[in-house]
C-alpha cells in the first residue's frame, strides 16, 4: 500500500512539474527582459515542483547501452547531446540489458533500456528530437522486425530528454 501511495505522489509531482514549466519559462523571460544588470535567471529558478535529483540522473545501464551503441557506430547525433551525463553515469561493472533500445524509423525518438510494465513501458532514457509525434512506431535496434506503438507525451519544447519516464504502449 505504501508503494502505491509513493507512486501516486510521484505522479502528482510530475504533473505539477510539467504544468508549471511553461509558467516558469515565461517568468524567467519577463524577469530577464526587465532586469538591466546581474545574472540572467533560468526557468529552474522559478520551479516549485522540480523533480528530485535522483529522477534526472541516468542509470549505469543506460550509460552502458549508449556507450555500446556509440562503439558500434549505431548512435545518432541526438544521443550525443547528453554525452556528459553518460560519462558521469558510466560504470564498468554495469550490465547491458537484453533489450537495449527502441528507435523510431526517422531516428528522432529513442527509448533506451525500455522495460514493459503491463500496458505501459518505462524507459531509462527518452530522447525526442525536433518533433512531438504523439503515437509513434518504435523498432528494437537489435531486432528490427519487432515493432511497438508508444505514445509520446506533448512537451512545450522540441529536443527533450527524460530519465525513467513511463509511457503508454499500445
Protein backbone atom coordinates (compact mmCIF):
# COMPACT_ATOMS: atom_id res chain seq x y z
CA UNK A 1 0.00 0.00 0.00
CA UNK A 2 2.87 2.36 0.80
CA UNK A 3 4.43 1.80 -2.63
CA UNK A 4 1.15 2.69 -4.32
CA UNK A 5 0.92 5.88 -2.27
CA UNK A 6 4.50 6.84 -3.10
CA UNK A 7 3.91 6.15 -6.80
CA UNK A 8 0.77 8.28 -6.76
CA UNK A 9 2.64 11.11 -5.04
CA UNK A 10 5.42 10.90 -7.63
CA UNK A 11 2.87 11.07 -10.46
CA UNK A 12 1.23 14.11 -8.87
CA UNK A 13 4.63 15.83 -8.50
CA UNK A 14 5.45 15.08 -12.15
CA UNK A 15 2.11 16.51 -13.29
CA UNK A 16 2.60 19.65 -11.22
CA UNK A 17 6.14 20.00 -12.55
CA UNK A 18 5.03 19.65 -16.18
CA UNK A 19 2.19 22.13 -15.66
CA UNK A 20 4.46 24.80 -14.20
CA UNK A 21 7.32 24.58 -16.72
CA UNK A 22 5.74 26.98 -19.28
CA UNK A 23 4.89 29.44 -16.50
CA UNK A 24 8.47 29.29 -15.17
CA UNK A 25 9.82 29.89 -18.67
CA UNK A 26 7.64 32.96 -19.14
CA UNK A 27 8.50 34.25 -15.67
CA UNK A 28 12.22 33.88 -16.34
CA UNK A 29 11.83 35.62 -19.69
CA UNK A 30 9.91 38.50 -18.13
CA UNK A 31 12.45 38.88 -15.34
CA UNK A 32 15.37 38.83 -17.79
CA UNK A 33 13.73 41.42 -20.03
CA UNK A 34 13.05 43.77 -17.12
CA UNK A 35 16.42 43.38 -15.39
CA UNK A 36 19.22 45.65 -16.50
CA UNK A 37 22.13 44.14 -14.59
CA UNK A 38 23.00 40.88 -12.93
CA UNK A 39 22.93 37.28 -13.98
CA UNK A 40 20.06 36.13 -16.19
CA UNK A 41 17.55 33.88 -14.46
CA UNK A 42 16.84 30.40 -15.72
CA UNK A 43 13.39 28.78 -15.65
CA UNK A 44 14.70 26.37 -13.00
CA UNK A 45 14.92 29.33 -10.60
CA UNK A 46 11.13 29.65 -10.69
CA UNK A 47 10.11 25.99 -10.39
CA UNK A 48 8.31 24.92 -7.24
CA UNK A 49 7.73 21.27 -8.11
CA UNK A 50 11.13 20.40 -9.51
CA UNK A 51 11.77 16.70 -9.95
CA UNK A 52 14.10 15.07 -7.41
CA UNK A 53 17.74 14.94 -8.48
CA UNK A 54 17.73 11.12 -8.47
CA UNK A 55 14.96 11.08 -11.11
CA UNK A 56 17.03 13.20 -13.50
CA UNK A 57 20.15 11.05 -13.48
CA UNK A 58 20.76 8.27 -15.95
CA UNK A 59 21.35 4.79 -14.65
CA UNK A 60 24.58 2.93 -15.30
CA UNK A 61 22.67 0.57 -17.64
CA UNK A 62 21.54 3.50 -19.81
CA UNK A 63 25.13 4.73 -19.99
CA UNK A 64 26.33 1.23 -20.90
CA UNK A 65 23.78 0.97 -23.72
CA UNK A 66 24.67 4.41 -25.12
CA UNK A 67 28.39 3.62 -24.95
CA UNK A 68 27.83 0.29 -26.73
CA UNK A 69 25.73 1.93 -29.47
CA UNK A 70 28.39 4.59 -29.96
CA UNK A 71 31.13 1.96 -30.17
CA UNK A 72 29.13 0.04 -32.80
CA UNK A 73 28.54 3.23 -34.80
CA UNK A 74 24.74 2.93 -34.40
CA UNK A 75 24.24 6.02 -32.27
CA UNK A 76 22.51 9.15 -33.51
CA UNK A 77 23.65 12.77 -33.02
CA UNK A 78 20.55 13.22 -30.83
CA UNK A 79 22.01 10.85 -28.24
CA UNK A 80 25.37 12.64 -28.21
CA UNK A 81 23.73 15.72 -26.71
CA UNK A 82 23.70 14.04 -23.28
CA UNK A 83 27.25 12.70 -23.57
CA UNK A 84 28.47 14.45 -20.40
CA UNK A 85 25.71 12.79 -18.33
CA UNK A 86 26.53 9.46 -19.97
CA UNK A 87 30.19 9.75 -19.00
CA UNK A 88 29.21 10.70 -15.43
CA UNK A 89 26.86 7.70 -15.11
CA UNK A 90 29.20 5.19 -16.78
CA UNK A 91 30.21 2.22 -14.65
CA UNK A 92 32.44 -0.58 -15.95
CA UNK A 93 30.50 -3.14 -13.89
CA UNK A 94 27.13 -2.20 -15.43
CA UNK A 95 25.43 -4.91 -17.45
CA UNK A 96 23.83 -4.13 -20.81
CA UNK A 97 20.18 -5.30 -20.69
CA UNK A 98 18.75 -7.77 -23.19
CA UNK A 99 16.55 -5.07 -24.76
CA UNK A 100 18.93 -2.19 -25.31
CA UNK A 101 16.88 0.45 -27.11
CA UNK A 102 13.91 1.17 -29.30
CA UNK A 103 14.23 3.66 -32.14
CA UNK A 104 11.66 5.34 -34.37
CA UNK A 105 12.05 4.88 -38.11
CA UNK A 106 13.01 8.55 -38.55
CA UNK A 107 15.62 8.30 -35.76
CA UNK A 108 14.09 11.28 -33.96
CA UNK A 109 12.73 9.31 -30.98
CA UNK A 110 14.74 6.88 -28.84
CA UNK A 111 13.79 4.80 -25.81
CA UNK A 112 16.89 3.47 -24.09
CA UNK A 113 16.53 0.49 -21.71
CA UNK A 114 12.76 0.05 -22.19
CA UNK A 115 11.02 -2.24 -19.71
CA UNK A 116 7.42 -3.37 -20.13
CA UNK A 117 5.16 -2.67 -17.14
CA UNK A 118 1.78 -4.14 -18.01
CA UNK A 119 0.21 -1.96 -20.72
CA UNK A 120 2.98 0.63 -20.38
CA UNK A 121 6.71 0.85 -20.93
CA UNK A 122 9.23 2.60 -18.69
CA UNK A 123 12.32 3.88 -20.44
CA UNK A 124 15.63 4.51 -18.75
CA UNK A 125 16.01 7.44 -21.14
CA UNK A 126 13.51 9.02 -23.53
CA UNK A 127 15.13 11.18 -26.20
CA UNK A 128 12.95 13.20 -28.57
CA UNK A 129 14.43 15.42 -31.26
CA UNK A 130 12.61 18.07 -33.22
CA UNK A 131 9.13 16.56 -33.29
CA UNK A 132 6.37 15.85 -30.79
CA UNK A 133 4.98 12.79 -32.53
CA UNK A 134 2.14 11.54 -30.27
CA UNK A 135 1.81 7.84 -31.11
CA UNK A 136 4.91 6.56 -32.88
CA UNK A 137 6.12 3.17 -34.09
CA UNK A 138 9.32 2.10 -32.36
CA UNK A 139 11.63 -0.70 -33.51
CA UNK A 140 14.10 -2.67 -31.44
CA UNK A 141 17.65 -1.72 -32.51
CA UNK A 142 18.83 -5.34 -32.28
CA UNK A 143 15.66 -6.96 -33.67
CA UNK A 144 14.28 -4.56 -36.31
CA UNK A 145 11.25 -6.74 -37.09
CA UNK A 146 9.95 -6.17 -33.54
CA UNK A 147 7.75 -3.07 -33.64
CA UNK A 148 5.89 -1.33 -30.80
CA UNK A 149 3.40 1.54 -30.71
CA UNK A 150 4.24 4.07 -27.98
CA UNK A 151 2.51 7.33 -27.12
CA UNK A 152 5.00 10.14 -26.51
CA UNK A 153 3.61 12.97 -24.34
CA UNK A 154 3.47 16.52 -25.64
CA UNK A 155 6.16 18.85 -24.39
CA UNK A 156 6.30 22.60 -24.98
CA UNK A 157 9.82 22.31 -26.37
CA UNK A 158 11.37 20.23 -29.11
CA UNK A 159 14.50 18.32 -28.23
CA UNK A 160 13.98 16.93 -24.74
CA UNK A 161 15.43 14.10 -22.69
CA UNK A 162 13.87 12.46 -19.66
CA UNK A 163 15.05 9.58 -17.49
CA UNK A 164 12.66 6.98 -16.07
CA UNK A 165 9.55 8.15 -17.96
CA UNK A 166 6.53 5.84 -18.05
CA UNK A 167 4.87 5.78 -21.49
CA UNK A 168 1.66 4.23 -22.76
CA UNK A 169 2.28 1.33 -25.15
CA UNK A 170 -0.41 0.05 -27.48
